[in-house]
Amino acid sequence: MLGAWACGGWQAVRRCASLPRAVRLRVRDALGAREPVEAVRVQGWVRSVRSQKEVMFLHINDGSSLEHLQVVADPSLENRDLTFGSAVEVQGKLVKSPHRMQNMELQAETIRVVGPCDIWSFPLKMKERHPLEYVRQFPHLRCRNNTLGSLLRIRSEATAAIHSFFQDHGYVHIHTPIITSNDCEGAGELFQVEASSEVREPAEKTHFFNVPAFLTVSGQLHLEVMAGAFTHVFTFGPTFRAENSQSRRHLAEFYMVEAELSFTESLQDIMQVMEDLFKTVTSTVLSKCPRDVELVHKYVSPAQKDRLEQILKNKFVTITYSEAVEILKQASQTFTFKPEWGCDLQTEHEKYLVKHCGEVPVFVINYPYDLKPFYMRDNEDGPQHTVAAVDLLVPGIGELCGGSLREERLPFLESRLQRLGLADAYQWYLDLRKFGSVPHGGFGMGFERYLQYILGVDNIKDVIPFPRFSHSCLL
């Protein structure tokens, strides 16, 4: 008896095991499926609900795609918590959609509301196109907006493309410090780091690290250390500038892409990497996020895609700093800051130069010696003394990248550090020139400014996940 029952019991277990199990799919994968799937499970948030007498339609999204997945369900599955913004889990059959605009749809068998949403107090409303100015008021909810969702997917793809570019070209990725005693002289205002107990007791003279410590403004000098052992290195991480500005082009916290190349004596080599990086990453974003880019361009900067495609086809222009100053002096436009040789180029100057050169990216090279930091290579020219520095200017933004050849000659570097009173602080940097020093150079690119440019976004705070430093909210 027992043996017979056991045999029948095991057969029943085997029959249950052979029944189709619900396959968990993301919305993007469900939309891209080529064949129907008998049992699937999709999780996400409701973007619209439409109930009729004989059928109910839902659109759900999980952030993996701009497009929503249509769910077709029996009205009996409707409940009071099934509203716009609610989190749901839907199980059913993935089938071919009869509608032209969508390849597949989900025929629901069960709908479970995982997290209800109070639609009356929820600040984002169904079928309303909220302007970016409105969603900025809700930094904790704005990622649920279509446009901000597209911006964040583009940011993710651009991040991956930058890493792929450097890895494909043999660069070693270095994690440079975020807390450092190095202020990368001339890079910007600093946030000083202290333990909370030290802040409460300002009379205490000691520092947590025994020396003043700051949030990094650049990983460049640390990369130069690594460039003494690896010929190609890069870093991609957060940097901080304590510039008290709430303008549309400034951030207190942002990401920097920085690279150093050893055994290079040509500024042109650095410029070529900058141009290749820009074009490769931009082409990748345009090809991998076409719908997201289309949405942002449509509602934020309608002509930007055409401008980008033209830029990708053409070589970037190169002019010297001296030529740039002459162009500015001869301009019919009146500038707030008068252009003079020896003065830094202002944003208004940079934008004019790009316009003058045909609205294409422009490399400006060979800046005045006294205008740039100590680590830039002396061109030994005259009577206008310059260094081998380069800035990449782009339309509508101004400076996007900055770089230079680094001063690898010990006597030149020692002399300049002594004049600046920095020889003791940078003794370790001088050591790099004593032990196997080689000609080298590098550059940095502000990641958010890059995204702001390719997407045509007016306010740089719209391309960051969390607008941490704003008047409205500090998360």
Protein backbone atom coordinates (compact mmCIF):
# COMPACT_ATOMS: atom_id res chain seq x y z
CA MET A 1 0.00 0.00 0.00
CA LEU A 2 2.66 2.42 1.14
CA GLY A 3 4.78 1.61 -1.90
CA ALA A 4 1.87 2.19 -4.25
CA TRP A 5 1.03 5.54 -2.56
CA ALA A 6 4.64 6.59 -2.65
CA CYS A 7 4.81 5.82 -6.34
CA GLY A 8 1.64 7.80 -7.04
CA GLY A 9 2.81 10.65 -4.77
CA TRP A 10 6.11 10.99 -6.58
CA GLN A 11 4.29 10.99 -9.93
CA ALA A 12 2.13 13.86 -8.67
CA VAL A 13 5.21 15.79 -7.56
CA ARG A 14 6.80 15.25 -10.96
CA ARG A 15 3.61 16.47 -12.70
CA CYS A 16 3.61 19.63 -10.53
CA ALA A 17 7.27 20.22 -11.26
CA SER A 18 6.59 20.00 -15.00
CA LEU A 19 3.99 22.81 -14.86
CA PRO A 20 5.34 26.09 -16.29
CA ARG A 21 6.90 28.38 -13.68
CA ALA A 22 6.49 32.12 -14.09
CA VAL A 23 9.63 33.59 -15.60
CA ARG A 24 10.55 36.97 -14.15
CA LEU A 25 11.07 39.52 -16.93
CA ARG A 26 12.00 43.15 -16.91
CA VAL A 27 9.82 45.45 -19.00
CA ARG A 28 12.59 45.99 -21.55
CA ASP A 29 13.02 42.24 -22.02
CA ALA A 30 9.29 41.65 -22.26
CA LEU A 31 8.93 44.32 -24.95
CA GLY A 32 11.88 42.87 -26.86
CA ALA A 33 10.71 39.23 -26.72
CA ARG A 34 10.31 37.60 -30.14
CA GLU A 35 8.01 34.78 -29.12
CA PRO A 36 5.09 34.44 -26.66
CA VAL A 37 5.87 33.13 -23.19
CA GLU A 38 3.32 31.00 -21.38
CA ALA A 39 3.98 32.19 -17.81
CA VAL A 40 5.80 35.41 -16.88
CA ARG A 41 6.04 37.68 -13.88
CA VAL A 42 6.65 41.42 -14.30
CA GLN A 43 7.14 43.92 -11.47
CA GLY A 44 7.02 47.68 -11.69
CA TRP A 45 4.99 50.83 -11.16
CA VAL A 46 1.67 51.70 -12.76
CA ARG A 47 1.91 54.58 -15.22
CA SER A 48 -1.72 54.52 -16.33
CA VAL A 49 -4.97 52.68 -15.60
CA ARG A 50 -7.96 52.49 -17.92
CA SER A 51 -10.93 50.33 -17.03
CA GLN A 52 -13.77 49.48 -19.40
CA LYS A 53 -16.82 47.27 -19.02
CA GLU A 54 -15.19 44.13 -20.41
CA VAL A 55 -11.46 44.82 -20.13
CA MET A 56 -8.92 46.76 -18.08
CA PHE A 57 -5.66 48.20 -19.43
CA LEU A 58 -2.58 49.02 -17.38
CA HIS A 59 0.77 50.44 -18.43
CA ILE A 60 3.62 49.48 -16.13
CA ASN A 61 7.27 50.45 -16.09
CA ASP A 62 10.26 49.30 -14.05
CA GLY A 63 12.84 51.87 -15.21
CA SER A 64 14.54 49.51 -17.66
CA SER A 65 12.92 51.19 -20.67
CA LEU A 66 11.26 54.43 -21.68
CA GLU A 67 8.40 52.40 -23.19
CA HIS A 68 5.76 50.94 -20.90
CA LEU A 69 4.43 47.38 -21.05
CA GLN A 70 0.70 47.16 -21.70
CA VAL A 71 -1.17 44.78 -19.41
CA VAL A 72 -4.60 43.50 -20.49
CA ALA A 73 -6.72 42.21 -17.61
CA ASP A 74 -10.23 41.21 -16.66
CA PRO A 75 -12.02 44.02 -14.77
CA SER A 76 -12.54 41.61 -11.88
CA LEU A 77 -8.81 42.01 -11.07
CA GLU A 78 -9.28 45.71 -10.36
CA ASN A 79 -9.08 46.94 -6.76
CA ARG A 80 -9.06 50.31 -5.05
CA ASP A 81 -5.26 50.29 -4.55
CA LEU A 82 -4.55 49.72 -8.24
CA THR A 83 -3.83 53.36 -9.11
CA PHE A 84 -1.27 55.49 -10.91
CA GLY A 85 2.05 55.27 -9.08
CA SER A 86 1.29 52.03 -7.22
CA ALA A 87 3.86 49.22 -7.25
CA VAL A 88 2.54 45.95 -8.69
CA GLU A 89 3.47 42.41 -9.57
CA VAL A 90 1.63 40.97 -12.57
CA GLN A 91 1.63 37.32 -13.63
CA GLY A 92 0.23 36.01 -16.86
CA LYS A 93 0.96 35.23 -20.50
CA LEU A 94 3.22 37.32 -22.71
CA VAL A 95 1.59 37.41 -26.15
CA LYS A 96 1.92 39.24 -29.45
CA SER A 97 0.18 42.59 -29.30
CA PRO A 98 -2.39 43.40 -32.00
CA HIS A 99 -1.36 47.06 -31.77
CA ARG A 100 1.24 48.50 -34.13
CA MET A 101 3.00 50.55 -31.48
CA GLN A 102 3.93 47.61 -29.26
CA ASN A 103 5.41 44.23 -30.06
CA MET A 104 4.21 42.30 -27.01
CA GLU A 105 1.64 42.70 -24.25
CA LEU A 106 0.91 40.87 -21.02
CA GLN A 107 -2.42 39.09 -20.50
CA ALA A 108 -2.79 39.22 -16.73
CA GLU A 109 -3.96 36.28 -14.66
CA THR A 110 -3.11 37.83 -11.29
CA ILE A 111 -2.29 41.38 -10.21
CA ARG A 112 -0.86 42.02 -6.76
CA VAL A 113 -0.48 45.56 -5.43
CA VAL A 114 2.85 45.53 -3.61
CA GLY A 115 2.78 49.19 -2.56
CA PRO A 116 -0.24 51.50 -2.92
CA CYS A 117 0.12 55.16 -3.92
CA ASP A 118 -2.05 57.99 -2.68
CA ILE A 119 -2.77 59.70 -5.98
CA TRP A 120 -4.23 62.80 -4.30
CA SER A 121 -1.02 63.73 -2.47
CA PHE A 122 1.41 62.27 -5.04
CA PRO A 123 2.90 65.38 -6.76
CA LEU A 124 3.32 63.69 -10.16
CA LYS A 125 0.06 63.31 -12.04
CA MET A 126 -0.98 60.79 -14.67
CA LYS A 127 -0.83 62.00 -18.29
CA GLU A 128 0.62 65.40 -17.28
CA ARG A 129 3.93 66.51 -18.80
CA HIS A 130 5.58 68.19 -15.85
CA PRO A 131 8.27 70.77 -16.75
CA LEU A 132 11.73 70.24 -15.27
CA GLU A 133 11.27 73.36 -13.14
CA TYR A 134 8.34 71.64 -11.41
CA VAL A 135 9.98 68.27 -10.73
CA ARG A 136 13.10 69.98 -9.29
CA GLN A 137 10.96 70.71 -6.24
CA PHE A 138 10.82 66.97 -5.48
CA PRO A 139 14.39 65.61 -5.61
CA HIS A 140 13.29 62.39 -3.90
CA LEU A 141 10.57 61.68 -6.49
CA ARG A 142 11.82 63.26 -9.69
CA CYS A 143 13.41 60.04 -10.99
CA ARG A 144 9.84 58.80 -11.61
CA ASN A 145 9.34 61.50 -14.22
CA ASN A 146 9.80 60.29 -17.82
CA THR A 147 12.32 62.94 -18.83
CA LEU A 148 14.45 62.51 -15.70
CA GLY A 149 14.25 58.74 -16.13
CA SER A 150 15.61 59.08 -19.65
CA LEU A 151 18.40 61.38 -18.43
CA LEU A 152 19.46 58.81 -15.83
CA ARG A 153 19.45 55.90 -18.29
CA ILE A 154 21.57 58.00 -20.66
CA ARG A 155 23.92 58.82 -17.79
CA SER A 156 24.26 55.11 -17.00
CA GLU A 157 25.01 54.23 -20.63
CA ALA A 158 27.53 57.08 -20.95
CA THR A 159 29.30 55.86 -17.80
CA ALA A 160 29.61 52.36 -19.24
CA ALA A 161 30.81 53.77 -22.59
CA ILE A 162 33.59 55.78 -20.90
CA HIS A 163 34.86 52.72 -19.06
CA SER A 164 34.68 50.66 -22.27
CA PHE A 165 36.62 53.31 -24.22
CA PHE A 166 39.53 53.31 -21.81
CA GLN A 167 39.56 49.55 -21.31
CA ASP A 168 39.47 48.97 -25.08
CA HIS A 169 42.54 51.22 -25.38
CA GLY A 170 44.53 49.47 -22.67
CA TYR A 171 44.12 51.93 -19.78
CA VAL A 172 44.30 50.77 -16.16
CA HIS A 173 41.46 52.07 -13.97
CA ILE A 174 42.73 53.69 -10.76
CA HIS A 175 40.58 54.58 -7.73
CA THR A 176 42.08 57.87 -6.57
CA PRO A 177 41.40 59.15 -3.01
CA ILE A 178 38.33 61.19 -2.19
CA ILE A 179 39.82 62.54 1.06
CA THR A 180 43.26 64.01 0.43
CA SER A 181 45.76 66.55 1.74
CA ASN A 182 46.55 67.49 -1.85
CA ASP A 183 44.68 70.54 -3.14
CA CYS A 184 45.84 70.16 -6.78
CA GLU A 185 46.90 73.82 -6.70
CA GLY A 186 44.73 76.10 -8.76
CA ALA A 187 41.88 73.62 -9.27
CA GLY A 188 39.26 75.39 -7.14
CA GLU A 189 37.92 76.15 -3.66
CA LEU A 190 38.10 73.24 -1.20
CA PHE A 191 35.80 71.53 1.28
CA GLN A 192 37.83 70.80 4.41
CA VAL A 193 37.19 67.51 6.20
CA GLU A 194 37.18 67.29 9.99
CA ALA A 195 35.79 64.77 12.47
CA SER A 196 32.51 65.96 14.00
CA SER A 197 34.15 66.13 17.45
CA GLU A 198 36.77 68.51 16.04
CA VAL A 199 34.09 70.72 14.59
CA ARG A 200 32.42 70.95 18.01
CA GLU A 201 35.75 71.73 19.68
CA PRO A 202 37.43 74.30 17.38
CA ALA A 203 40.06 75.11 20.00
CA GLU A 204 41.63 71.70 19.40
CA LYS A 205 44.75 72.17 17.25
CA THR A 206 45.23 68.61 16.01
CA HIS A 207 43.67 67.20 12.82
CA PHE A 208 42.12 63.77 12.38
CA PHE A 209 44.76 62.92 9.75
CA ASN A 210 47.48 65.00 11.49
CA VAL A 211 47.40 67.37 8.51
CA PRO A 212 44.55 69.40 6.96
CA ALA A 213 42.41 67.13 4.77
CA PHE A 214 40.05 68.06 1.94
CA LEU A 215 37.51 66.52 -0.39
CA THR A 216 39.31 66.03 -3.68
CA VAL A 217 39.04 68.57 -6.49
CA SER A 218 40.94 66.34 -8.92
CA GLY A 219 42.60 62.94 -9.08
CA GLN A 220 45.26 64.19 -11.49
CA LEU A 221 48.30 64.25 -9.20
CA HIS A 222 47.49 60.80 -7.86
CA LEU A 223 47.15 59.56 -11.44
CA GLU A 224 50.62 60.97 -12.19
CA VAL A 225 51.97 58.74 -9.42
CA MET A 226 50.46 55.72 -11.15
CA ALA A 227 51.68 56.88 -14.55
CA GLY A 228 55.19 56.13 -13.27
CA ALA A 229 54.35 52.42 -13.37
CA PHE A 230 51.51 52.14 -15.90
CA THR A 231 51.77 53.91 -19.24
CA HIS A 232 48.01 54.54 -19.54
CA VAL A 233 45.78 55.19 -16.51
CA PHE A 234 42.39 56.78 -15.89
CA THR A 235 40.03 57.52 -13.04
CA PHE A 236 36.33 58.31 -12.99
CA GLY A 237 34.96 59.47 -9.67
CA PRO A 238 33.40 62.23 -7.57
CA THR A 239 35.11 65.58 -7.10
CA PHE A 240 34.09 68.60 -5.06
CA ARG A 241 34.34 72.37 -5.48
CA ALA A 242 33.36 74.77 -2.68
CA GLU A 243 32.26 77.52 -5.05
CA ASN A 244 29.22 79.18 -3.50
CA SER A 245 27.22 79.37 -6.70
CA GLN A 246 23.65 78.33 -7.47
CA SER A 247 24.02 79.00 -11.20
CA ARG A 248 22.79 76.66 -13.91
CA ARG A 249 26.36 75.59 -14.74
CA HIS A 250 27.90 74.93 -11.31
CA LEU A 251 27.82 71.92 -9.00
CA ALA A 252 29.43 71.44 -5.61
CA GLU A 253 29.73 67.69 -6.26
CA PHE A 254 30.31 66.23 -9.71
CA TYR A 255 32.10 63.41 -11.50
CA MET A 256 35.39 63.80 -13.36
CA VAL A 257 36.90 61.61 -16.05
CA GLU A 258 40.69 61.97 -15.93
CA ALA A 259 43.48 60.22 -17.83
CA GLU A 260 47.28 60.28 -17.91
CA LEU A 261 49.51 59.03 -20.75
CA SER A 262 53.21 58.28 -20.26
CA PHE A 263 55.87 58.50 -22.97
CA THR A 264 54.13 61.27 -24.88
CA GLU A 265 55.83 64.52 -25.91
CA SER A 266 53.03 65.85 -28.06
CA LEU A 267 50.04 67.89 -26.95
CA GLN A 268 48.37 66.61 -30.12
CA ASP A 269 48.41 63.08 -28.65
CA ILE A 270 46.41 64.30 -25.64
CA MET A 271 44.00 66.22 -27.86
CA GLN A 272 43.41 63.15 -30.03
CA VAL A 273 42.41 61.07 -27.00
CA MET A 274 40.04 63.84 -25.87
CA GLU A 275 38.41 63.98 -29.32
CA ASP A 276 38.20 60.19 -29.66
CA LEU A 277 36.68 59.85 -26.18
CA PHE A 278 34.03 62.47 -26.91
CA LYS A 279 33.07 61.01 -30.28
CA THR A 280 33.09 57.36 -29.18
CA VAL A 281 31.01 57.90 -26.06
CA THR A 282 28.54 60.19 -27.85
CA SER A 283 28.09 57.73 -30.73
CA THR A 284 27.49 54.92 -28.24
CA VAL A 285 24.87 56.90 -26.34
CA LEU A 286 23.04 57.87 -29.54
CA SER A 287 22.98 54.25 -30.78
CA LYS A 288 22.11 52.54 -27.46
CA CYS A 289 19.60 55.04 -26.05
CA PRO A 290 17.82 56.32 -29.17
CA ARG A 291 14.36 56.66 -27.61
CA ASP A 292 15.64 58.30 -24.43
CA VAL A 293 17.81 60.77 -26.37
CA GLU A 294 14.90 61.49 -28.71
CA LEU A 295 12.61 62.30 -25.78
CA VAL A 296 15.09 64.67 -24.12
CA HIS A 297 15.95 66.41 -27.37
CA LYS A 298 12.26 66.72 -28.34
CA TYR A 299 11.20 68.51 -25.17
CA VAL A 300 14.46 70.16 -24.07
CA SER A 301 16.62 70.89 -27.13
CA PRO A 302 14.89 70.00 -30.44
CA ALA A 303 17.84 70.61 -32.83
CA GLN A 304 20.60 69.12 -30.67
CA LYS A 305 20.70 65.66 -32.29
CA ASP A 306 21.34 67.11 -35.76
CA ARG A 307 24.10 69.34 -34.35
CA LEU A 308 25.73 66.37 -32.63
CA GLU A 309 25.65 64.23 -35.76
CA GLN A 310 27.38 67.01 -37.69
CA ILE A 311 30.03 67.39 -34.99
CA LEU A 312 30.74 63.66 -35.00
CA LYS A 313 31.51 63.81 -38.73
CA ASN A 314 33.99 66.69 -38.54
CA LYS A 315 37.45 67.24 -37.10
CA PHE A 316 37.72 69.56 -34.13
CA VAL A 317 39.32 72.97 -34.75
CA THR A 318 42.60 74.04 -33.09
CA ILE A 319 43.70 77.62 -32.35
CA THR A 320 46.33 79.05 -30.00
CA TYR A 321 45.48 81.17 -26.99
CA SER A 322 47.17 84.15 -28.69
CA GLU A 323 45.00 83.67 -31.79
CA ALA A 324 41.93 83.41 -29.56
CA VAL A 325 42.70 86.74 -27.88
CA GLU A 326 43.13 88.45 -31.26
CA ILE A 327 39.81 87.02 -32.48
CA LEU A 328 38.10 88.36 -29.35
CA LYS A 329 39.71 91.78 -29.65
CA GLN A 330 38.46 92.12 -33.23
CA ALA A 331 34.93 90.98 -32.36
CA SER A 332 32.06 93.40 -32.85
CA GLN A 333 30.45 92.00 -29.72
CA THR A 334 30.94 93.86 -26.44
CA PHE A 335 32.15 91.60 -23.63
CA THR A 336 31.62 92.05 -19.92
CA PHE A 337 35.28 91.08 -19.42
CA LYS A 338 37.67 92.80 -21.80
CA PRO A 339 39.89 90.23 -23.58
CA GLU A 340 43.58 90.81 -22.88
CA TRP A 341 46.63 88.59 -23.33
CA GLY A 342 47.51 87.09 -19.97
CA CYS A 343 43.93 87.02 -18.67
CA ASP A 344 41.87 83.85 -18.39
CA LEU A 345 39.16 83.25 -20.98
CA GLN A 346 35.68 83.76 -19.54
CA THR A 347 32.62 81.72 -20.51
CA GLU A 348 31.41 84.55 -22.77
CA HIS A 349 34.75 84.48 -24.59
CA GLU A 350 34.70 80.70 -24.97
CA LYS A 351 31.18 80.69 -26.41
CA TYR A 352 32.11 83.42 -28.89
CA LEU A 353 35.21 81.54 -30.05
CA VAL A 354 33.15 78.42 -30.74
CA LYS A 355 30.62 80.48 -32.68
CA HIS A 356 33.41 82.22 -34.61
CA CYS A 357 34.87 78.83 -35.61
CA GLY A 358 31.58 77.52 -37.00
CA GLU A 359 29.81 76.08 -33.94
CA VAL A 360 32.17 73.12 -33.74
CA PRO A 361 34.33 72.04 -30.77
CA VAL A 362 37.53 74.10 -30.53
CA PHE A 363 40.87 73.25 -28.92
CA VAL A 364 42.63 76.32 -27.50
CA ILE A 365 46.31 75.58 -26.85
CA ASN A 366 49.43 77.21 -25.35
CA TYR A 367 48.14 79.33 -22.49
CA PRO A 368 50.21 81.98 -20.65
CA TYR A 369 52.77 80.53 -18.23
CA ASP A 370 51.59 82.62 -15.27
CA LEU A 371 47.95 81.68 -15.82
CA LYS A 372 48.30 77.94 -15.31
CA PRO A 373 49.30 75.62 -12.42
CA PHE A 374 52.90 74.61 -11.68
CA TYR A 375 52.68 71.12 -13.20
CA MET A 376 52.12 72.26 -16.81
CA ARG A 377 55.10 71.98 -19.15
CA ASP A 378 57.05 75.15 -19.96
CA ASN A 379 57.11 75.81 -23.73
CA GLU A 380 60.31 77.88 -23.29
CA ASP A 381 59.03 80.41 -25.80
CA GLY A 382 58.94 84.17 -25.82
CA PRO A 383 58.40 87.00 -25.57
CA GLN A 384 54.94 85.72 -24.55
CA HIS A 385 55.80 82.86 -22.21
CA THR A 386 53.39 79.90 -22.51
CA VAL A 387 52.83 76.34 -21.31
CA ALA A 388 51.69 73.26 -23.26
CA ALA A 389 48.08 73.44 -22.04
CA VAL A 390 44.81 72.79 -23.87
CA ASP A 391 41.13 73.46 -23.24
CA LEU A 392 38.34 71.93 -25.34
CA LEU A 393 35.46 74.37 -25.89
CA VAL A 394 32.03 73.23 -27.09
CA PRO A 395 28.99 75.15 -28.36
CA GLY A 396 26.67 76.65 -25.78
CA ILE A 397 28.79 75.50 -22.83
CA GLY A 398 32.35 76.73 -23.16
CA GLU A 399 35.10 74.66 -21.56
CA LEU A 400 34.41 70.91 -21.47
CA CYS A 401 37.89 69.41 -21.05
CA GLY A 402 41.22 70.74 -19.83
CA GLY A 403 44.64 69.15 -20.08
CA SER A 404 48.34 69.63 -20.65
CA LEU A 405 51.72 68.08 -20.98
CA ARG A 406 53.15 67.75 -17.48
CA GLU A 407 56.52 69.24 -16.54
CA GLU A 408 58.78 66.17 -16.36
CA ARG A 409 62.09 68.09 -16.10
CA LEU A 410 63.25 68.27 -12.49
CA PRO A 411 65.14 71.64 -12.66
CA PHE A 412 62.16 73.41 -14.26
CA LEU A 413 59.72 71.97 -11.73
CA GLU A 414 61.97 72.65 -8.72
CA SER A 415 62.50 76.24 -9.77
CA ARG A 416 58.80 76.94 -10.17
CA LEU A 417 57.77 75.26 -6.90
CA GLN A 418 60.42 77.23 -5.01
CA ARG A 419 59.16 80.51 -6.47
CA LEU A 420 55.63 79.59 -5.38
CA GLY A 421 56.78 78.47 -1.91
CA LEU A 422 55.46 74.93 -2.50
CA ALA A 423 58.70 72.93 -2.67
CA ASP A 424 58.30 71.33 0.77
CA ALA A 425 54.65 70.43 0.30
CA TYR A 426 55.33 68.80 -3.06
CA GLN A 427 58.59 67.02 -2.29
CA TRP A 428 56.89 63.73 -3.15
CA TYR A 429 55.95 65.19 -6.55
CA LEU A 430 59.57 66.17 -7.16
CA ASP A 431 60.60 62.59 -6.30
CA LEU A 432 58.58 61.36 -9.28
CA ARG A 433 60.99 63.35 -11.50
CA LYS A 434 64.06 61.79 -9.86
CA PHE A 435 63.22 58.15 -10.39
CA GLY A 436 62.52 57.19 -13.99
CA SER A 437 60.71 60.34 -15.10
CA VAL A 438 59.28 60.31 -18.63
CA PRO A 439 57.44 62.87 -20.79
CA HIS A 440 53.74 62.54 -20.05
CA GLY A 441 50.45 64.41 -20.10
CA GLY A 442 46.77 64.11 -19.38
CA PHE A 443 43.37 65.73 -19.21
CA GLY A 444 40.11 65.88 -17.29
CA MET A 445 36.49 66.14 -18.41
CA GLY A 446 33.52 67.10 -16.26
CA PHE A 447 31.00 64.30 -16.76
CA GLU A 448 27.88 66.32 -15.92
CA ARG A 449 28.98 69.13 -18.21
CA TYR A 450 29.47 66.57 -20.98
CA LEU A 451 25.91 65.28 -20.45
CA GLN A 452 24.58 68.82 -20.29
CA TYR A 453 26.14 69.51 -23.68
CA ILE A 454 25.14 66.39 -25.62
CA LEU A 455 21.56 66.58 -24.34
CA GLY A 456 21.17 70.35 -24.65
CA VAL A 457 20.00 70.64 -21.02
CA ASP A 458 19.97 74.21 -19.70
CA ASN A 459 20.43 73.45 -15.99
CA ILE A 460 23.33 71.14 -15.10
CA LYS A 461 21.50 70.04 -11.93
CA ASP A 462 19.04 68.14 -14.12
CA VAL A 463 21.68 65.57 -15.17
CA ILE A 464 22.61 64.45 -11.64
CA PRO A 465 20.70 61.72 -9.75
CA PHE A 466 20.31 63.77 -6.56
CA PRO A 467 20.52 67.59 -6.50
CA ARG A 468 22.16 67.43 -3.07
CA PHE A 469 23.28 71.01 -2.80
CA SER A 470 20.27 73.15 -3.58
CA HIS A 471 18.19 75.70 -1.74
CA SER A 472 15.11 73.49 -1.85
CA CYS A 473 16.40 70.21 -0.41
CA LEU A 474 19.48 68.53 0.96
CA LEU A 475 19.18 64.75 0.85
